[in-house]
Protein backbone atom coordinates (compact mmCIF):
# COMPACT_ATOMS: atom_id res chain seq x y z
CA UNK A 1 20.80 -2.19 -24.61
CA UNK A 2 19.61 1.12 -23.15
CA UNK A 3 16.01 0.27 -24.10
CA UNK A 4 16.17 -3.06 -22.25
CA UNK A 5 17.67 -1.34 -19.21
CA UNK A 6 14.84 1.21 -19.26
CA UNK A 7 12.23 -1.55 -19.54
CA UNK A 8 13.83 -3.43 -16.66
CA UNK A 9 13.88 -0.29 -14.50
CA UNK A 10 10.23 0.42 -15.28
CA UNK A 11 9.23 -3.16 -14.44
CA UNK A 12 11.23 -3.13 -11.20
CA UNK A 13 9.76 0.23 -10.20
CA UNK A 14 6.23 -1.05 -10.87
CA UNK A 15 6.75 -4.24 -8.83
CA UNK A 16 8.34 -2.37 -5.93
CA UNK A 17 5.53 0.18 -5.95
CA UNK A 18 2.87 -2.53 -6.04
CA UNK A 19 4.46 -4.42 -3.15
CA UNK A 20 4.93 -1.27 -1.13
CA UNK A 21 1.37 -0.13 -1.74
CA UNK A 22 -0.04 -3.50 -0.71
CA UNK A 23 1.89 -3.18 2.54
CA UNK A 24 0.80 0.44 2.94
CA UNK A 25 -2.87 -0.41 2.44
CA UNK A 26 -2.78 -3.27 4.95
CA UNK A 27 -0.90 -1.12 7.48
CA UNK A 28 -3.32 1.79 7.01
CA UNK A 29 -6.41 -0.40 7.42
CA UNK A 30 -4.88 -2.17 10.42
CA UNK A 31 -3.93 1.11 12.06
CA UNK A 32 -7.35 2.64 11.40
CA UNK A 33 -9.07 -0.37 12.95
CA UNK A 34 -12.18 0.35 10.96
CA UNK A 35 -13.37 0.84 7.43
CA UNK A 36 -11.94 3.18 4.82
CA UNK A 37 -12.94 3.90 1.26
CA UNK A 38 -10.43 3.95 -1.58
CA UNK A 39 -10.06 7.70 -1.93
CA UNK A 40 -9.55 7.97 1.83
CA UNK A 41 -6.70 5.45 1.56
CA UNK A 42 -5.15 7.45 -1.29
CA UNK A 43 -5.43 10.67 0.71
CA UNK A 44 -3.82 8.99 3.70
CA UNK A 45 -0.75 8.14 1.62
CA UNK A 46 -0.61 11.61 0.11
CA UNK A 47 -0.76 13.18 3.58
CA UNK A 48 1.79 10.76 5.08
CA UNK A 49 4.28 11.56 2.29
CA UNK A 50 3.53 15.31 2.54
CA UNK A 51 2.19 15.31 -0.99
CA UNK A 52 5.31 13.80 -2.53
CA UNK A 53 3.51 10.67 -3.60
CA UNK A 54 -0.15 10.36 -4.48
CA UNK A 55 -0.98 7.14 -6.32
CA UNK A 56 -3.91 7.30 -8.67
CA UNK A 57 -7.14 5.33 -8.41
CA UNK A 58 -5.97 3.16 -11.31
CA UNK A 59 -3.13 1.98 -9.09
CA UNK A 60 -4.91 1.64 -5.75
CA UNK A 61 -8.13 -0.11 -6.76
CA UNK A 62 -6.50 -3.08 -8.55
CA UNK A 63 -4.35 -3.63 -5.46
CA UNK A 64 -7.44 -3.51 -3.24
CA UNK A 65 -9.11 -6.08 -5.53
CA UNK A 66 -6.07 -8.39 -5.30
CA UNK A 67 -5.98 -8.04 -1.52
CA UNK A 68 -9.67 -8.88 -1.41
CA UNK A 69 -9.22 -11.91 -3.70
CA UNK A 70 -6.56 -13.18 -1.27
CA UNK A 71 -8.92 -12.69 1.66
CA UNK A 72 -6.79 -9.96 3.27
CA UNK A 73 -9.47 -7.28 3.03
CA UNK A 74 -13.21 -7.33 2.60
CA UNK A 75 -15.34 -4.64 1.06
CA UNK A 76 -18.90 -3.55 1.30
CA UNK A 77 -20.93 -0.89 -0.48
CA UNK A 78 -22.44 1.50 2.05
CA UNK A 79 -24.71 4.49 1.61
CA UNK A 80 -24.06 7.20 4.14
CA UNK A 81 -26.11 10.27 5.02
CA UNK A 82 -26.64 12.37 1.94
CA UNK A 83 -27.12 9.33 -0.29
CA UNK A 84 -23.48 8.91 -1.33
CA UNK A 85 -22.56 5.25 -1.89
CA UNK A 86 -18.98 4.19 -1.35
CA UNK A 87 -17.16 0.91 -1.19
CA UNK A 88 -15.56 0.58 2.22
CA UNK A 89 -12.62 -1.74 2.87
CA UNK A 90 -11.67 -3.43 6.12
CA UNK A 91 -8.73 -5.67 6.96
CA UNK A 92 -9.65 -9.27 7.81
CA UNK A 93 -8.06 -11.47 10.49
CA UNK A 94 -6.18 -13.23 7.66
CA UNK A 95 -5.03 -9.82 6.42
CA UNK A 96 -3.77 -8.91 9.88
CA UNK A 97 -1.74 -12.13 10.06
CA UNK A 98 -0.36 -11.60 6.56
CA UNK A 99 0.44 -7.98 7.38
CA UNK A 100 2.32 -8.90 10.56
CA UNK A 101 4.36 -11.51 8.70
CA UNK A 102 5.12 -9.06 5.89
CA UNK A 103 5.97 -6.26 8.34
CA UNK A 104 8.40 -8.57 10.09
CA UNK A 105 10.11 -9.39 6.78
CA UNK A 106 10.25 -5.72 5.80
CA UNK A 107 11.80 -4.81 9.14
CA UNK A 108 14.55 -7.38 8.54
CA UNK A 109 15.05 -6.20 4.97
CA UNK A 110 15.14 -2.53 5.89
CA UNK A 111 17.53 -3.27 8.75
CA UNK A 112 19.87 -4.73 6.17
CA UNK A 113 19.55 -1.64 4.00
CA UNK A 114 20.14 0.82 6.84
CA UNK A 115 23.86 1.25 6.20
CA UNK A 116 23.34 1.50 2.45
CA UNK A 117 20.68 4.17 2.88
CA UNK A 118 22.85 6.05 5.35
CA UNK A 119 25.67 6.17 2.81
CA UNK A 120 23.37 6.94 -0.12
CA UNK A 121 21.27 9.67 1.50
CA UNK A 122 23.37 10.65 4.51
CA UNK A 123 20.49 10.00 6.93
CA UNK A 124 19.88 7.63 9.82
């Protein structure tokens, strides 16, 4: 029983993290308004969470691929000064629409959790 509960928790945590990171990536690209490379996206999350959460490349890049497959982001290999090639990602118009719809749903969901979080963590 405890093993199944642990497996369920791990699966739930993975799915929540994946959904949150997809939202984070779309929000970050939308806010930037330009192109970003994968490591830059990872660093943005690390900085925003004050180093408390820094997803690894093995987490971020599959999400970027899925977002690209859905047409929400596009990528392009670019060589900058110094000869370093990087894959840059940019949000598409479809990605902006999907992001706005998802942000709206998250706002509603988080509004519903506000009282629960206040009681759980004692914060507003």
